[in-house]
């Protein structure tokens, strides 16, 4: 019996201690067992064929990403919504906080909203822009509250270029300041034994804007202005790149992990609060269409099985190679309708994890129950 057949027998045997384990545990088990000499890389490659493993494979949440570089004050803002609906009863029905932050100066604006409907979002932006500062570009995640035509039209009329981030880091400056703001709010709640924050919200924002920031070389966001903009830009984006003694040591050249034509799954975007037992990768399989280096980091473009391009670019840690081709077995989510054609029974099926555009007719004889 080959090592692959042996591994298949024990991997799916619920009574075997190594069933459904990861590659390192399988490697140690086979080495101790002594029946087959198999390398760790071969085991990892074998697991790429196994949906039970590849769909649940642990994700990396921390990996090197491209830097976001702003040309200066009010060139690029990040925007996001903070969900505070759990506190709405104590705060006049306010369920969301519209967060905007200038990426360069870290200056923060916050506007309370009772809903995230397009009208509320537009009014929130209108209030923030009335305070004498407005960005040239704005970055948000792909939530419908920002992607709808009303918000897009409003930003366009203001002369603001709006673009959406597609990877898991999203509008990371806004997300980071939301965490900071919530920490400040809950410290206030604990000390004052109250969950009412509306009357002190702008005080918290003002305090944030007037405290020193490490990323600003000890300056506060409110101290950033045109007189120190050029100096700070150099410190933030140029001086940080100057080689130190450690950096001068030769580092290995970064190589591509995937090549065009490889089949891959995409990591889910639930991130931090995802339970370990939940599916972590898409059921749908995509194809690497292009690869390139950006700031020395490998980045990939992908297409679906219809050769339609998927928006955004992907880092290696957001992709997982799978050994799968079009002739493999594919799971059916449900049968939508049936027909008889040319004496053959056919069924119209929805494929598990795939959008409706892939629904198709298949011969009933080709379907197997698992």
Protein backbone atom coordinates (compact mmCIF):
# COMPACT_ATOMS: atom_id res chain seq x y z
CA UNK A 1 0.00 0.00 0.00
CA UNK A 2 1.35 3.42 -0.96
CA UNK A 3 1.81 6.09 1.69
CA UNK A 4 -1.05 8.11 0.15
CA UNK A 5 -3.49 5.19 0.40
CA UNK A 6 -2.32 4.48 3.93
CA UNK A 7 -2.70 8.14 4.92
CA UNK A 8 -6.18 8.27 3.38
CA UNK A 9 -7.22 5.24 5.45
CA UNK A 10 -6.04 6.66 8.76
CA UNK A 11 -6.92 10.33 8.11
CA UNK A 12 -10.64 9.63 7.72
CA UNK A 13 -10.78 6.93 10.40
CA UNK A 14 -12.41 8.63 13.37
CA UNK A 15 -10.95 6.00 15.70
CA UNK A 16 -7.40 6.81 14.63
CA UNK A 17 -5.62 9.42 16.80
CA UNK A 18 -4.31 11.22 13.73
CA UNK A 19 -7.68 11.63 11.99
CA UNK A 20 -8.33 15.18 10.71
CA UNK A 21 -4.99 16.40 12.13
CA UNK A 22 -2.66 19.00 10.62
CA UNK A 23 0.53 18.30 8.63
CA UNK A 24 3.02 18.48 11.51
CA UNK A 25 1.14 15.98 13.67
CA UNK A 26 0.67 13.65 10.70
CA UNK A 27 4.39 13.87 9.91
CA UNK A 28 5.38 12.98 13.49
CA UNK A 29 2.85 10.14 13.59
CA UNK A 30 4.06 8.56 10.32
CA UNK A 31 7.69 8.95 11.38
CA UNK A 32 7.00 7.20 14.68
CA UNK A 33 4.90 4.52 12.96
CA UNK A 34 7.81 3.74 10.62
CA UNK A 35 5.78 2.20 7.78
CA UNK A 36 6.45 4.95 5.24
CA UNK A 37 9.14 7.59 4.88
CA UNK A 38 7.28 10.77 3.90
CA UNK A 39 8.47 14.38 4.02
CA UNK A 40 6.49 17.21 5.57
CA UNK A 41 6.16 19.04 2.23
CA UNK A 42 4.63 15.94 0.61
CA UNK A 43 2.08 15.70 3.43
CA UNK A 44 1.18 19.38 3.03
CA UNK A 45 0.70 18.87 -0.70
CA UNK A 46 -1.51 15.82 -0.06
CA UNK A 47 -3.68 17.85 2.33
CA UNK A 48 -4.28 20.45 -0.37
CA UNK A 49 -6.51 17.86 -2.07
CA UNK A 50 -8.60 17.35 1.06
CA UNK A 51 -11.51 19.81 1.41
CA UNK A 52 -11.98 18.84 5.06
CA UNK A 53 -8.51 20.28 5.74
CA UNK A 54 -8.14 23.07 3.17
CA UNK A 55 -11.46 24.73 4.08
CA UNK A 56 -10.56 24.74 7.80
CA UNK A 57 -6.85 25.45 7.48
CA UNK A 58 -5.74 28.10 10.04
CA UNK A 59 -5.28 31.60 8.64
CA UNK A 60 -2.43 34.02 9.21
CA UNK A 61 -3.77 37.34 10.46
CA UNK A 62 -0.44 39.14 10.76
CA UNK A 63 1.63 39.44 7.61
CA UNK A 64 3.57 42.14 5.81
CA UNK A 65 1.36 44.38 3.68
CA UNK A 66 1.98 47.38 1.44
CA UNK A 67 2.31 50.73 3.20
CA UNK A 68 -0.38 53.35 2.71
CA UNK A 69 1.39 56.56 1.73
CA UNK A 70 -0.43 59.89 1.83
CA UNK A 71 0.92 62.91 -0.03
CA UNK A 72 0.21 65.20 2.90
CA UNK A 73 -2.43 66.73 5.15
CA UNK A 74 -5.99 66.07 3.96
CA UNK A 75 -4.85 64.19 0.87
CA UNK A 76 -6.28 60.83 2.00
CA UNK A 77 -8.87 60.09 4.67
CA UNK A 78 -10.06 56.72 5.91
CA UNK A 79 -13.73 56.34 6.84
CA UNK A 80 -15.61 53.59 8.64
CA UNK A 81 -18.60 53.00 10.93
CA UNK A 82 -18.26 52.08 14.60
CA UNK A 83 -21.18 49.97 15.80
CA UNK A 84 -22.41 51.28 19.17
CA UNK A 85 -25.95 49.90 18.90
CA UNK A 86 -25.63 48.13 22.28
CA UNK A 87 -25.43 51.56 23.88
CA UNK A 88 -28.27 53.16 21.90
CA UNK A 89 -30.83 53.14 24.74
CA UNK A 90 -28.58 55.31 26.89
CA UNK A 91 -27.64 57.62 23.99
CA UNK A 92 -30.77 58.93 22.26
CA UNK A 93 -30.99 56.02 19.83
CA UNK A 94 -27.51 56.54 18.36
CA UNK A 95 -26.41 53.22 16.85
CA UNK A 96 -23.33 54.18 14.81
CA UNK A 97 -20.43 56.57 14.87
CA UNK A 98 -19.16 57.78 11.50
CA UNK A 99 -15.39 57.81 11.84
CA UNK A 100 -13.09 59.77 9.51
CA UNK A 101 -9.36 60.14 10.01
CA UNK A 102 -6.71 61.95 8.00
CA UNK A 103 -4.11 59.27 7.22
CA UNK A 104 -1.19 61.73 7.28
CA UNK A 105 -1.93 63.88 10.35
CA UNK A 106 -4.07 61.25 12.18
CA UNK A 107 -6.65 63.99 12.83
CA UNK A 108 -9.98 62.47 13.81
CA UNK A 109 -13.62 63.46 13.24
CA UNK A 110 -16.61 61.56 14.67
CA UNK A 111 -20.30 62.06 13.86
CA UNK A 112 -23.08 60.13 15.70
CA UNK A 113 -25.74 58.50 13.49
CA UNK A 114 -29.04 56.80 14.26
CA UNK A 115 -28.82 54.51 11.22
CA UNK A 116 -26.45 53.53 8.45
CA UNK A 117 -28.90 54.26 5.64
CA UNK A 118 -27.49 56.36 2.81
CA UNK A 119 -29.27 59.51 4.01
CA UNK A 120 -27.64 59.33 7.44
CA UNK A 121 -24.20 58.65 5.95
CA UNK A 122 -24.48 61.61 3.57
CA UNK A 123 -25.61 63.96 6.38
CA UNK A 124 -22.79 62.67 8.56
CA UNK A 125 -20.20 63.47 5.90
CA UNK A 126 -21.86 66.84 5.25
CA UNK A 127 -21.49 67.77 8.94
CA UNK A 128 -17.85 66.67 9.05
CA UNK A 129 -16.96 68.53 5.84
CA UNK A 130 -18.55 71.72 7.21
CA UNK A 131 -15.65 72.00 9.68
CA UNK A 132 -13.33 73.62 7.10
CA UNK A 133 -11.37 70.51 6.11
CA UNK A 134 -12.07 68.14 3.24
CA UNK A 135 -9.96 65.34 1.70
CA UNK A 136 -8.90 64.90 -1.91
CA UNK A 137 -9.34 61.14 -1.61
CA UNK A 138 -11.36 58.93 0.71
CA UNK A 139 -10.87 55.23 1.39
CA UNK A 140 -13.54 52.93 2.85
CA UNK A 141 -14.30 49.24 3.07
CA UNK A 142 -16.76 47.67 0.63
CA UNK A 143 -19.81 47.95 2.90
CA UNK A 144 -23.05 48.91 1.17
CA UNK A 145 -23.34 51.99 3.41
CA UNK A 146 -20.42 53.50 1.45
CA UNK A 147 -20.78 51.88 -1.97
CA UNK A 148 -24.32 53.07 -2.73
CA UNK A 149 -24.93 55.66 -5.46
CA UNK A 150 -26.12 58.41 -3.07
CA UNK A 151 -22.89 58.45 -1.08
CA UNK A 152 -20.82 58.11 -4.26
CA UNK A 153 -22.65 61.02 -5.90
CA UNK A 154 -22.27 63.19 -2.80
CA UNK A 155 -18.51 62.59 -2.60
CA UNK A 156 -18.13 63.15 -6.33
CA UNK A 157 -19.93 66.51 -6.11
CA UNK A 158 -17.50 67.48 -3.36
CA UNK A 159 -14.60 66.65 -5.69
CA UNK A 160 -13.51 63.69 -3.55
CA UNK A 161 -12.09 60.57 -5.20
CA UNK A 162 -13.65 57.60 -3.38
CA UNK A 163 -12.13 54.16 -3.58
CA UNK A 164 -12.81 50.89 -1.82
CA UNK A 165 -10.32 48.47 -0.27
CA UNK A 166 -10.89 44.79 -0.96
CA UNK A 167 -8.43 42.91 1.24
CA UNK A 168 -8.92 41.99 4.88
CA UNK A 169 -7.07 45.00 6.25
CA UNK A 170 -9.84 47.26 4.87
CA UNK A 171 -9.61 50.95 5.90
CA UNK A 172 -7.06 50.09 8.55
CA UNK A 173 -6.42 53.58 9.96
CA UNK A 174 -10.12 54.05 10.67
CA UNK A 175 -10.42 50.56 12.14
CA UNK A 176 -7.46 51.18 14.42
CA UNK A 177 -8.79 54.50 15.72
CA UNK A 178 -12.20 52.90 16.37
CA UNK A 179 -10.50 50.49 18.77
CA UNK A 180 -8.67 53.38 20.44
CA UNK A 181 -11.86 55.43 20.78
CA UNK A 182 -13.83 52.52 22.25
CA UNK A 183 -11.11 51.91 24.83
CA UNK A 184 -11.35 55.56 25.90
CA UNK A 185 -15.15 55.35 26.05
CA UNK A 186 -15.18 52.23 28.20
CA UNK A 187 -12.60 53.64 30.58
CA UNK A 188 -14.90 56.64 30.96
CA UNK A 189 -17.89 54.30 31.51
CA UNK A 190 -16.05 52.34 34.21
CA UNK A 191 -14.95 55.42 36.13
CA UNK A 192 -18.27 57.27 35.91
CA UNK A 193 -20.55 54.23 36.19
CA UNK A 194 -22.59 55.24 33.16
CA UNK A 195 -23.00 54.22 29.52
CA UNK A 196 -24.06 57.69 28.39
CA UNK A 197 -21.32 59.17 26.21
CA UNK A 198 -22.99 61.66 23.83
CA UNK A 199 -22.26 64.68 26.00
CA UNK A 200 -18.54 63.82 26.22
CA UNK A 201 -17.95 62.26 22.77
CA UNK A 202 -16.42 65.36 21.22
CA UNK A 203 -14.30 65.86 24.36
CA UNK A 204 -12.84 62.38 23.81
CA UNK A 205 -12.22 63.21 20.15
CA UNK A 206 -10.58 66.54 21.04
CA UNK A 207 -8.37 64.80 23.61
CA UNK A 208 -7.28 62.27 20.99
CA UNK A 209 -6.40 65.06 18.55
CA UNK A 210 -4.35 66.93 21.17
CA UNK A 211 -2.26 64.11 22.61
CA UNK A 212 1.23 63.18 21.32
CA UNK A 213 1.39 60.36 18.76
CA UNK A 214 4.39 58.10 18.40
CA UNK A 215 3.81 57.85 14.63
CA UNK A 216 3.99 61.68 14.43
CA UNK A 217 7.36 61.85 16.21
CA UNK A 218 5.72 63.07 19.41
CA UNK A 219 3.49 65.70 17.83
CA UNK A 220 -0.27 65.66 18.23
CA UNK A 221 -2.63 65.58 15.20
CA UNK A 222 -3.73 69.15 15.97
CA UNK A 223 -0.08 70.32 15.75
CA UNK A 224 0.33 69.04 12.20
CA UNK A 225 0.18 71.95 9.74
CA UNK A 226 1.70 73.27 6.52
CA UNK A 227 4.80 74.58 8.29
CA UNK A 228 5.89 71.12 9.45
CA UNK A 229 4.18 69.01 6.76
CA UNK A 230 7.27 68.52 4.55
CA UNK A 231 9.55 67.71 7.50
CA UNK A 232 7.08 65.19 8.89
CA UNK A 233 6.52 63.59 5.47
CA UNK A 234 10.27 63.00 5.21
CA UNK A 235 10.38 61.47 8.70
CA UNK A 236 7.34 59.25 8.09
CA UNK A 237 8.12 57.97 4.62
CA UNK A 238 11.80 58.60 3.79
CA UNK A 239 13.90 58.43 6.97
CA UNK A 240 12.20 55.21 8.02
CA UNK A 241 13.56 53.55 4.86
CA UNK A 242 17.21 54.47 5.50
CA UNK A 243 19.18 51.26 6.04
CA UNK A 244 20.41 50.44 9.52
CA UNK A 245 23.34 48.11 10.20
CA UNK A 246 20.95 45.17 10.55
CA UNK A 247 19.13 46.09 7.34
CA UNK A 248 22.44 46.20 5.44
CA UNK A 249 22.89 42.48 6.03
CA UNK A 250 21.96 40.47 2.98
CA UNK A 251 18.39 39.24 3.10
CA UNK A 252 17.04 36.47 0.90
CA UNK A 253 15.20 37.60 -2.22
CA UNK A 254 11.44 37.27 -1.84
CA UNK A 255 10.07 34.69 -4.27
CA UNK A 256 6.57 34.08 -5.57
CA UNK A 257 4.70 31.25 -3.88
CA UNK A 258 2.07 30.86 -6.63
CA UNK A 259 2.20 30.96 -10.41
CA UNK A 260 -0.42 31.91 -13.02
CA UNK A 261 -2.83 29.03 -13.53
CA UNK A 262 -2.65 27.78 -9.93
CA UNK A 263 -5.99 27.03 -8.26
CA UNK A 264 -6.49 28.82 -4.93
CA UNK A 265 -9.04 29.49 -2.24
CA UNK A 266 -9.43 32.95 -0.64
CA UNK A 267 -9.35 33.42 3.12
CA UNK A 268 -12.58 34.58 4.70
CA UNK A 269 -12.70 38.14 6.01
CA UNK A 270 -14.20 37.55 9.45
CA UNK A 271 -10.73 37.82 10.96
CA UNK A 272 -10.28 38.40 14.68
CA UNK A 273 -13.67 37.31 15.99
CA UNK A 274 -13.94 34.19 13.87
CA UNK A 275 -14.31 31.00 15.87
CA UNK A 276 -11.58 28.44 15.23
CA UNK A 277 -14.02 25.76 14.11
CA UNK A 278 -15.72 27.87 11.44
CA UNK A 279 -14.86 27.52 7.76
CA UNK A 280 -11.92 29.81 7.12
CA UNK A 281 -11.57 29.59 3.33
CA UNK A 282 -13.96 29.94 0.41
CA UNK A 283 -15.56 26.84 -1.01
CA UNK A 284 -15.23 28.52 -4.40
CA UNK A 285 -11.91 27.94 -6.14
CA UNK A 286 -10.23 30.72 -8.14
CA UNK A 287 -7.33 30.89 -10.60
CA UNK A 288 -4.16 32.99 -10.33
CA UNK A 289 -4.17 35.25 -13.40
CA UNK A 290 -1.25 37.58 -12.71
CA UNK A 291 1.47 38.19 -10.15
CA UNK A 292 3.76 41.12 -9.45
CA UNK A 293 5.89 42.73 -6.74
CA UNK A 294 4.56 45.84 -4.99
CA UNK A 295 6.94 47.49 -2.50
CA UNK A 296 8.90 44.22 -2.55
CA UNK A 297 5.85 42.16 -1.51
CA UNK A 298 4.34 39.48 -3.80
CA UNK A 299 0.79 40.41 -4.85
CA UNK A 300 -1.66 38.44 -7.00
CA UNK A 301 -4.66 39.01 -9.27
CA UNK A 302 -7.22 36.24 -9.63
CA UNK A 303 -10.16 35.21 -11.82
CA UNK A 304 -13.09 32.89 -11.26
CA UNK A 305 -13.84 29.80 -13.36
CA UNK A 306 -15.61 31.98 -15.95
CA UNK A 307 -12.40 33.98 -16.32
CA UNK A 308 -14.07 37.04 -14.78
CA UNK A 309 -11.61 39.18 -12.84
CA UNK A 310 -12.09 39.46 -9.08
CA UNK A 311 -11.80 43.00 -7.72
CA UNK A 312 -8.75 43.86 -5.66
CA UNK A 313 -5.35 42.25 -5.24
CA UNK A 314 -4.35 39.54 -2.79
CA UNK A 315 -1.36 38.82 -0.58
CA UNK A 316 0.07 35.31 -0.31
CA UNK A 317 -1.31 34.87 3.20
CA UNK A 318 -4.82 35.51 1.86
CA UNK A 319 -4.54 32.64 -0.65
CA UNK A 320 -4.23 28.88 -0.29
CA UNK A 321 -3.22 26.64 -3.18
CA UNK A 322 -5.45 23.62 -3.79
CA UNK A 323 -4.84 20.68 -6.08
CA UNK A 324 -8.15 20.66 -7.86
CA UNK A 325 -9.19 20.65 -11.50
CA UNK A 326 -12.40 20.92 -13.45
CA UNK A 327 -12.79 17.12 -13.67
CA UNK A 328 -12.77 16.61 -9.88
CA UNK A 329 -15.91 16.02 -7.84
CA UNK A 330 -17.75 19.24 -6.98
CA UNK A 331 -20.31 19.53 -4.20
CA UNK A 332 -23.93 20.34 -4.98
CA UNK A 333 -25.76 22.65 -2.58
CA UNK A 334 -29.23 21.89 -3.94
CA UNK A 335 -31.17 20.74 -7.00
CA UNK A 336 -33.25 23.62 -8.38
CA UNK A 337 -35.21 21.84 -11.12
CA UNK A 338 -35.32 18.73 -13.27
CA UNK A 339 -35.93 17.90 -16.91
CA UNK A 340 -35.70 15.07 -19.41
CA UNK A 341 -33.72 15.68 -22.60
CA UNK A 342 -32.82 13.11 -25.25
CA UNK A 343 -34.04 10.33 -23.02
CA UNK A 344 -31.66 11.41 -20.23
CA UNK A 345 -32.66 12.80 -16.82
CA UNK A 346 -30.96 16.12 -16.10
CA UNK A 347 -30.98 18.34 -13.03
CA UNK A 348 -30.30 22.06 -12.70
CA UNK A 349 -28.04 22.50 -9.68
CA UNK A 350 -26.54 25.20 -7.49
CA UNK A 351 -22.91 24.38 -6.67
CA UNK A 352 -21.91 24.69 -3.02
CA UNK A 353 -20.11 27.96 -2.31
CA UNK A 354 -20.45 29.32 -5.86
CA UNK A 355 -22.55 32.29 -7.03
CA UNK A 356 -25.73 31.70 -9.03
CA UNK A 357 -24.05 32.46 -12.36
CA UNK A 358 -22.43 29.00 -12.12
CA UNK A 359 -25.77 27.17 -11.78
CA UNK A 360 -25.90 24.54 -14.53
CA UNK A 361 -27.58 21.45 -15.95
CA UNK A 362 -25.87 18.12 -15.28
CA UNK A 363 -26.75 14.55 -16.16
CA UNK A 364 -28.31 12.84 -13.17
CA UNK A 365 -26.14 9.79 -13.82
CA UNK A 366 -23.04 11.88 -13.05
CA UNK A 367 -24.22 12.71 -9.52
CA UNK A 368 -22.89 10.58 -6.67
CA UNK A 369 -24.17 10.52 -3.09
CA UNK A 370 -21.38 10.83 -0.53
